[in-house]
Amino acid sequence: MIDRRGILWGVLGAAIAASTAGCASGQGRTPNRVQRGGFSDIAFADWTDAEPEYLLYPGDEIEIALPTATELTRTLRVGPDGRVALPLIGQAMAADRTLSELEYTLSEAYAAELVRPVVEVTLKQAGPIRVWVAGEVRTPGVYDMNGDIDAYQAVVQAGDFLATARPQEVALIRRGPGGVRMMRVVDLRPRRGEVVALRRGDILFAPRSTLGELANFFTQIRNALPIGFNYSINGQFQQF
């Protein structure tokens, strides 16, 4: 039997290791040693609020237009497996690709069928934002959020903090530009904490106590990894 949690943990660990290796070689972002709130000596890429280029996701509605063969134009929803079905070329992977990357992939696929395989991809409507809320909350799990939602609202949807939680020291893990993993500590105390907008794929982890040791932090994250959380592994979209 495949240890799905172990696989997903390996993906997160690989991302962290990659950011550390980039620092050692002088390439990529410098890992950020988070000092606040007891999360010490945890190497992630430097935090940035810059919006990475949009990656398609299951549930997104897109238009795939072929100006030179308009009868092949389709408006489709990306399926749960990350694929779309198109005339002449069949199934094509769309999830975890930018619009321009998908245009290139489809143009290559249509090259065997059309003289001028020009493809234009437009995002018509984004699907729900999927985030994971874990740790000391009443109902940890993966949640689909519609519309703009902040971190504390996600915690409320997960049943709110348990009495054992430290809401002033919640770890927010996010994929940054280039796919690197970033982490910052946020204060989510009701009426006293920060208002932090969430993005697709964000992970919120509410600790029971300060997580001063790297091993302790990773052990808690690994044990809480959810089945059903979507990640891209080596360019192939996976749903565990």
Foldseek 3Di string as FASTA:
>chain_A
DDPVLVVVLVVQVVLQVVQPVCVVVVHDAFFDAADPQQSGPRTFGDDDPDDAADFADAQWWKWKAFVVCRVFIDTDGQHNQQWDQGPPQGIDHRGRDHQVRVQVVQLVSCVVPDVRSGIGMDGPGHGFAWEFEDAQADATDIDTHPDKDWDLVVSVVRHHGDPLWQQQFKWKWDQDYPRHIDIDTWRNDPPPTDGGIDGHYIYIYTYSHRDNDPVVVSVRCSVTDDQQRWDADPNRTDHD
